């Protein structure tokens, strides 16, 4: 519903969420509900995989080998570190993705020059 486009300015294509779902199902079928899912998964799956991996690594190092228990402070550190890694990945790399999308229509020579300026700051 956020992406509504109509031929007449000010006229809405959908009245509400139920109307939207009915029209999508009628015009595009069941597959219409999953349009655009692939690119979304490509962006989200690596982010979640990194987050879970960081959490598992810290928990494994902090675990008591005899009892298999983890102290509360290490539980908090593992969760906090996993969250921090997700924030770094989601903000830093999405900024780069946006940058590359913006320059994608330019010539190759200009793109290389702009990328050089971008990575020079790192």
N, C-alpha and C. Protein backbone atom coordinates (compact mmCIF):
# COMPACT_ATOMS: atom_id res chain seq x y z
N UNK A 1 0.81 -1.19 0.00
CA UNK A 1 0.00 0.00 0.00
C UNK A 1 0.86 1.26 0.00
N UNK A 2 2.09 1.16 0.48
CA UNK A 2 2.97 2.33 0.49
C UNK A 2 3.40 2.71 -0.92
N UNK A 3 3.32 1.78 -1.82
CA UNK A 3 3.83 1.97 -3.18
C UNK A 3 2.71 2.24 -4.19
N UNK A 4 1.59 2.78 -3.74
CA UNK A 4 0.45 2.97 -4.62
C UNK A 4 0.75 3.96 -5.73
N UNK A 5 0.41 3.57 -6.95
CA UNK A 5 0.52 4.46 -8.09
C UNK A 5 -0.80 4.40 -8.84
N UNK A 6 -1.30 5.54 -9.23
CA UNK A 6 -2.53 5.54 -10.02
C UNK A 6 -2.37 6.52 -11.17
N UNK A 7 -3.26 6.40 -12.12
CA UNK A 7 -3.18 7.28 -13.28
C UNK A 7 -3.72 8.67 -12.98
N UNK A 8 -4.60 8.78 -11.98
CA UNK A 8 -5.18 10.06 -11.61
C UNK A 8 -4.54 10.53 -10.30
N UNK A 9 -4.04 11.76 -10.29
CA UNK A 9 -3.38 12.29 -9.10
C UNK A 9 -4.40 12.40 -7.96
N UNK A 10 -4.02 11.92 -6.79
CA UNK A 10 -4.88 12.00 -5.61
C UNK A 10 -5.82 10.82 -5.45
N UNK A 11 -5.95 9.98 -6.46
CA UNK A 11 -6.83 8.82 -6.36
C UNK A 11 -6.02 7.62 -5.88
N UNK A 12 -6.53 6.95 -4.85
CA UNK A 12 -5.83 5.79 -4.30
C UNK A 12 -6.26 4.51 -5.01
N UNK A 13 -5.33 3.63 -5.21
CA UNK A 13 -5.61 2.37 -5.87
C UNK A 13 -6.27 1.39 -4.91
N UNK A 14 -5.88 1.42 -3.65
CA UNK A 14 -6.40 0.51 -2.63
C UNK A 14 -7.08 1.31 -1.51
N UNK A 15 -8.20 0.78 -1.01
CA UNK A 15 -8.90 1.45 0.10
C UNK A 15 -8.26 1.12 1.45
N UNK A 16 -7.90 -0.16 1.62
CA UNK A 16 -7.31 -0.63 2.88
C UNK A 16 -6.50 -1.90 2.60
N UNK A 17 -5.98 -2.50 3.64
CA UNK A 17 -5.11 -3.67 3.47
C UNK A 17 -5.84 -4.86 2.88
N UNK A 18 -7.08 -5.07 3.29
CA UNK A 18 -7.85 -6.21 2.78
C UNK A 18 -8.15 -6.02 1.29
N UNK A 19 -8.52 -4.80 0.92
CA UNK A 19 -8.76 -4.49 -0.49
C UNK A 19 -7.48 -4.70 -1.30
N UNK A 20 -6.35 -4.28 -0.75
CA UNK A 20 -5.06 -4.46 -1.41
C UNK A 20 -4.78 -5.94 -1.64
N UNK A 21 -4.95 -6.77 -0.60
CA UNK A 21 -4.70 -8.21 -0.71
C UNK A 21 -5.62 -8.85 -1.75
N UNK A 22 -6.90 -8.47 -1.76
CA UNK A 22 -7.84 -9.03 -2.74
C UNK A 22 -7.42 -8.71 -4.17
N UNK A 23 -7.06 -7.44 -4.41
CA UNK A 23 -6.71 -7.04 -5.76
C UNK A 23 -5.40 -7.68 -6.23
N UNK A 24 -4.44 -7.80 -5.33
CA UNK A 24 -3.18 -8.47 -5.69
C UNK A 24 -3.45 -9.92 -6.04
N UNK A 25 -4.25 -10.60 -5.22
CA UNK A 25 -4.54 -12.01 -5.48
C UNK A 25 -5.31 -12.18 -6.78
N UNK A 26 -6.26 -11.30 -7.05
CA UNK A 26 -7.06 -11.39 -8.27
C UNK A 26 -6.22 -11.12 -9.52
N UNK A 27 -5.32 -10.11 -9.44
CA UNK A 27 -4.56 -9.72 -10.64
C UNK A 27 -3.28 -10.51 -10.85
N UNK A 28 -2.60 -10.89 -9.76
CA UNK A 28 -1.29 -11.54 -9.89
C UNK A 28 -1.23 -12.95 -9.35
N UNK A 29 -2.25 -13.37 -8.63
CA UNK A 29 -2.26 -14.69 -8.04
C UNK A 29 -1.46 -14.74 -6.74
N UNK A 30 -1.28 -15.93 -6.23
CA UNK A 30 -0.59 -16.12 -4.95
C UNK A 30 0.85 -15.64 -5.00
N UNK A 31 1.49 -15.78 -6.16
CA UNK A 31 2.89 -15.40 -6.32
C UNK A 31 3.07 -13.88 -6.17
N UNK A 32 2.04 -13.12 -6.42
CA UNK A 32 2.12 -11.67 -6.30
C UNK A 32 2.45 -11.19 -4.90
N UNK A 33 2.12 -11.98 -3.89
CA UNK A 33 2.43 -11.61 -2.51
C UNK A 33 3.92 -11.71 -2.22
N UNK A 34 4.65 -12.48 -3.02
CA UNK A 34 6.07 -12.71 -2.78
C UNK A 34 6.97 -12.00 -3.78
N UNK A 35 6.41 -11.12 -4.58
CA UNK A 35 7.21 -10.35 -5.53
C UNK A 35 8.17 -9.45 -4.76
N UNK A 36 9.44 -9.47 -5.12
CA UNK A 36 10.45 -8.65 -4.44
C UNK A 36 11.05 -9.32 -3.21
N UNK A 37 10.69 -10.54 -2.93
CA UNK A 37 11.23 -11.23 -1.75
C UNK A 37 12.70 -11.59 -1.92
N UNK A 38 13.12 -11.96 -3.12
CA UNK A 38 14.50 -12.37 -3.36
C UNK A 38 15.52 -11.31 -2.98
N UNK A 39 15.42 -10.09 -3.51
CA UNK A 39 16.40 -9.06 -3.13
C UNK A 39 16.38 -8.75 -1.64
N UNK A 40 15.20 -8.82 -1.03
CA UNK A 40 15.11 -8.57 0.41
C UNK A 40 15.88 -9.64 1.19
N UNK A 41 15.74 -10.89 0.79
CA UNK A 41 16.46 -11.97 1.47
C UNK A 41 17.96 -11.87 1.25
N UNK A 42 18.37 -11.45 0.07
CA UNK A 42 19.80 -11.30 -0.20
C UNK A 42 20.41 -10.27 0.75
N UNK A 43 19.64 -9.26 1.11
CA UNK A 43 20.15 -8.24 2.02
C UNK A 43 20.09 -8.64 3.48
N UNK A 44 19.06 -9.41 3.87
CA UNK A 44 18.83 -9.70 5.29
C UNK A 44 19.56 -10.96 5.75
N UNK A 45 19.62 -11.99 4.93
CA UNK A 45 20.20 -13.27 5.35
C UNK A 45 21.66 -13.14 5.79
N UNK A 46 22.54 -12.47 5.04
CA UNK A 46 23.93 -12.34 5.52
C UNK A 46 24.02 -11.56 6.84
N UNK A 47 23.18 -10.56 6.99
CA UNK A 47 23.18 -9.76 8.22
C UNK A 47 22.84 -10.62 9.43
N UNK A 48 21.81 -11.44 9.31
CA UNK A 48 21.41 -12.32 10.41
C UNK A 48 22.43 -13.43 10.64
N UNK A 49 23.03 -13.93 9.57
CA UNK A 49 24.04 -14.98 9.72
C UNK A 49 25.24 -14.46 10.49
N UNK A 50 25.68 -13.25 10.18
CA UNK A 50 26.81 -12.66 10.91
C UNK A 50 26.45 -12.46 12.37
N UNK A 51 25.25 -11.97 12.62
CA UNK A 51 24.80 -11.73 13.99
C UNK A 51 24.79 -13.03 14.81
N UNK A 52 24.22 -14.08 14.25
CA UNK A 52 24.15 -15.36 14.98
C UNK A 52 25.53 -15.99 15.16
N UNK A 53 26.39 -15.83 14.17
CA UNK A 53 27.75 -16.37 14.27
C UNK A 53 28.53 -15.68 15.37
N UNK A 54 28.45 -14.36 15.44
CA UNK A 54 29.15 -13.61 16.50
C UNK A 54 28.63 -14.05 17.86
N UNK A 55 27.33 -14.19 17.99
CA UNK A 55 26.75 -14.62 19.26
C UNK A 55 27.26 -16.01 19.65
N UNK A 56 27.25 -16.94 18.70
CA UNK A 56 27.70 -18.32 18.99
C UNK A 56 29.19 -18.37 19.35
N UNK A 57 30.03 -17.59 18.66
CA UNK A 57 31.47 -17.60 18.94
C UNK A 57 31.75 -17.11 20.37
N UNK A 58 31.10 -16.01 20.75
CA UNK A 58 31.35 -15.47 22.09
C UNK A 58 30.80 -16.41 23.16
N UNK A 59 29.63 -16.98 22.92
CA UNK A 59 29.07 -17.93 23.89
C UNK A 59 29.95 -19.18 24.03
N UNK A 60 30.50 -19.65 22.92
CA UNK A 60 31.35 -20.84 22.98
C UNK A 60 32.63 -20.58 23.76
N UNK A 61 33.20 -19.39 23.61
CA UNK A 61 34.43 -19.06 24.34
C UNK A 61 34.18 -18.82 25.82
N UNK A 62 32.97 -18.34 26.14
CA UNK A 62 32.66 -18.01 27.54
C UNK A 62 32.05 -19.18 28.31
N UNK A 63 31.73 -20.26 27.62
CA UNK A 63 31.07 -21.39 28.28
C UNK A 63 32.03 -22.15 29.18
N UNK A 64 31.54 -22.54 30.34
CA UNK A 64 32.31 -23.37 31.25
C UNK A 64 32.38 -24.78 30.66
N UNK A 65 33.58 -25.31 30.39
CA UNK A 65 33.67 -26.61 29.72
C UNK A 65 33.11 -27.77 30.53
N UNK A 66 33.11 -27.66 31.85
CA UNK A 66 32.63 -28.77 32.67
C UNK A 66 31.11 -28.79 32.76
N UNK A 67 30.50 -27.64 33.01
CA UNK A 67 29.05 -27.60 33.20
C UNK A 67 28.28 -27.19 31.95
N UNK A 68 28.95 -26.51 31.02
CA UNK A 68 28.27 -26.04 29.82
C UNK A 68 27.43 -24.80 30.06
N UNK A 69 27.63 -24.17 31.22
CA UNK A 69 26.85 -22.96 31.55
C UNK A 69 27.64 -21.70 31.21
N UNK A 70 26.91 -20.62 31.06
CA UNK A 70 27.50 -19.32 30.77
C UNK A 70 27.00 -18.34 31.82
N UNK A 71 27.91 -17.52 32.32
CA UNK A 71 27.50 -16.52 33.29
C UNK A 71 26.65 -15.46 32.61
N UNK A 72 25.81 -14.80 33.41
CA UNK A 72 24.89 -13.80 32.89
C UNK A 72 25.62 -12.67 32.17
N UNK A 73 26.73 -12.24 32.72
CA UNK A 73 27.46 -11.13 32.09
C UNK A 73 27.93 -11.50 30.69
N UNK A 74 28.34 -12.77 30.48
CA UNK A 74 28.77 -13.21 29.16
C UNK A 74 27.60 -13.38 28.20
N UNK A 75 26.43 -13.74 28.74
CA UNK A 75 25.22 -13.76 27.91
C UNK A 75 24.95 -12.36 27.37
N UNK A 76 25.08 -11.36 28.25
CA UNK A 76 24.84 -9.97 27.85
C UNK A 76 25.90 -9.49 26.86
N UNK A 77 27.15 -9.86 27.10
CA UNK A 77 28.22 -9.47 26.18
C UNK A 77 28.01 -10.11 24.81
N UNK A 78 27.63 -11.39 24.78
CA UNK A 78 27.40 -12.08 23.51
C UNK A 78 26.25 -11.43 22.74
N UNK A 79 25.15 -11.16 23.42
CA UNK A 79 24.01 -10.53 22.75
C UNK A 79 24.33 -9.12 22.29
N UNK A 80 25.03 -8.37 23.14
CA UNK A 80 25.40 -7.00 22.78
C UNK A 80 26.36 -6.96 21.60
N UNK A 81 27.31 -7.87 21.61
CA UNK A 81 28.27 -7.91 20.50
C UNK A 81 27.60 -8.32 19.19
N UNK A 82 26.68 -9.27 19.29
CA UNK A 82 25.95 -9.68 18.09
C UNK A 82 25.11 -8.52 17.55
N UNK A 83 24.46 -7.81 18.43
CA UNK A 83 23.68 -6.65 18.01
C UNK A 83 24.55 -5.56 17.40
N UNK A 84 25.72 -5.34 18.02
CA UNK A 84 26.63 -4.33 17.50
C UNK A 84 27.14 -4.71 16.11
N UNK A 85 27.42 -6.00 15.90
CA UNK A 85 27.88 -6.43 14.57
C UNK A 85 26.78 -6.25 13.53
N UNK A 86 25.55 -6.45 13.93
CA UNK A 86 24.43 -6.25 13.01
C UNK A 86 24.29 -4.78 12.66
N UNK A 87 24.44 -3.91 13.64
CA UNK A 87 24.32 -2.48 13.39
C UNK A 87 25.42 -2.01 12.44
N UNK A 88 26.65 -2.48 12.68
CA UNK A 88 27.76 -2.10 11.82
C UNK A 88 27.50 -2.56 10.39
N UNK A 89 27.09 -3.78 10.24
CA UNK A 89 26.84 -4.32 8.90
C UNK A 89 25.69 -3.58 8.23
N UNK A 90 24.60 -3.39 8.94
CA UNK A 90 23.42 -2.81 8.31
C UNK A 90 23.62 -1.34 7.96
N UNK A 91 24.30 -0.58 8.80
CA UNK A 91 24.46 0.84 8.48
C UNK A 91 25.62 1.08 7.52
N UNK A 92 26.76 0.49 7.81
CA UNK A 92 27.94 0.75 6.99
C UNK A 92 27.76 0.24 5.56
N UNK A 93 27.38 -1.00 5.40
CA UNK A 93 27.30 -1.57 4.07
C UNK A 93 26.10 -1.06 3.29
N UNK A 94 25.03 -0.71 3.95
CA UNK A 94 23.89 -0.15 3.21
C UNK A 94 24.23 1.23 2.68
N UNK A 95 25.06 1.97 3.41
CA UNK A 95 25.51 3.25 2.89
C UNK A 95 26.33 3.05 1.62
N UNK A 96 27.20 2.04 1.62
CA UNK A 96 28.00 1.74 0.43
C UNK A 96 27.11 1.27 -0.71
N UNK A 97 26.11 0.44 -0.39
CA UNK A 97 25.20 -0.03 -1.43
C UNK A 97 24.47 1.14 -2.08
N UNK A 98 24.00 2.07 -1.25
CA UNK A 98 23.32 3.25 -1.78
C UNK A 98 24.24 4.08 -2.65
N UNK A 99 25.48 4.20 -2.24
CA UNK A 99 26.46 4.95 -3.02
C UNK A 99 26.67 4.29 -4.38
N UNK A 100 26.84 2.99 -4.39
CA UNK A 100 27.08 2.28 -5.64
C UNK A 100 25.86 2.32 -6.56
N UNK A 101 24.67 2.32 -5.98
CA UNK A 101 23.47 2.45 -6.80
C UNK A 101 23.42 3.83 -7.44
N UNK A 102 23.81 4.85 -6.69
CA UNK A 102 23.79 6.21 -7.23
C UNK A 102 24.76 6.40 -8.39
N UNK A 103 25.91 5.73 -8.32
CA UNK A 103 26.90 5.94 -9.37
C UNK A 103 26.81 4.91 -10.50
N UNK A 104 25.84 3.99 -10.41
CA UNK A 104 25.79 2.91 -11.39
C UNK A 104 25.51 3.39 -12.81
N UNK A 105 24.88 4.53 -12.97
CA UNK A 105 24.58 5.01 -14.31
C UNK A 105 25.70 5.80 -14.94
N UNK A 106 26.79 5.99 -14.26
CA UNK A 106 27.89 6.80 -14.79
C UNK A 106 28.90 5.92 -15.53
N UNK A 107 29.81 6.56 -16.23
CA UNK A 107 30.81 5.80 -16.98
C UNK A 107 31.75 5.07 -16.02
N UNK A 108 32.39 4.05 -16.53
CA UNK A 108 33.27 3.21 -15.71
C UNK A 108 34.42 4.01 -15.12
N UNK A 109 35.01 4.91 -15.89
CA UNK A 109 36.14 5.70 -15.40
C UNK A 109 35.71 6.59 -14.24
N UNK A 110 34.55 7.21 -14.34
CA UNK A 110 34.05 8.06 -13.26
C UNK A 110 33.72 7.22 -12.04
N UNK A 111 33.15 6.03 -12.25
CA UNK A 111 32.83 5.16 -11.11
C UNK A 111 34.08 4.77 -10.34
N UNK A 112 35.16 4.40 -11.04
CA UNK A 112 36.41 4.02 -10.37
C UNK A 112 36.97 5.20 -9.58
N UNK A 113 36.90 6.38 -10.13
CA UNK A 113 37.40 7.57 -9.45
C UNK A 113 36.58 7.83 -8.18
N UNK A 114 35.26 7.73 -8.27
CA UNK A 114 34.41 7.96 -7.10
C UNK A 114 34.63 6.90 -6.03
N UNK A 115 34.82 5.65 -6.45
CA UNK A 115 35.11 4.58 -5.49
C UNK A 115 36.44 4.83 -4.79
N UNK A 116 37.42 5.32 -5.52
CA UNK A 116 38.70 5.65 -4.91
C UNK A 116 38.56 6.71 -3.85
N UNK A 117 37.73 7.73 -4.11
CA UNK A 117 37.48 8.78 -3.11
C UNK A 117 36.78 8.20 -1.88
N UNK A 118 35.85 7.29 -2.13
CA UNK A 118 35.09 6.69 -1.02
C UNK A 118 36.00 5.89 -0.11
N UNK A 119 36.82 5.00 -0.69
CA UNK A 119 37.65 4.12 0.13
C UNK A 119 38.90 4.80 0.66
N UNK A 120 39.24 5.97 0.15
CA UNK A 120 40.37 6.71 0.69
C UNK A 120 40.09 7.18 2.11
N UNK A 121 38.81 7.38 2.43
CA UNK A 121 38.43 7.83 3.78
C UNK A 121 38.53 6.70 4.81
N UNK A 122 38.55 5.47 4.36
CA UNK A 122 38.65 4.35 5.30
C UNK A 122 40.04 4.25 5.77
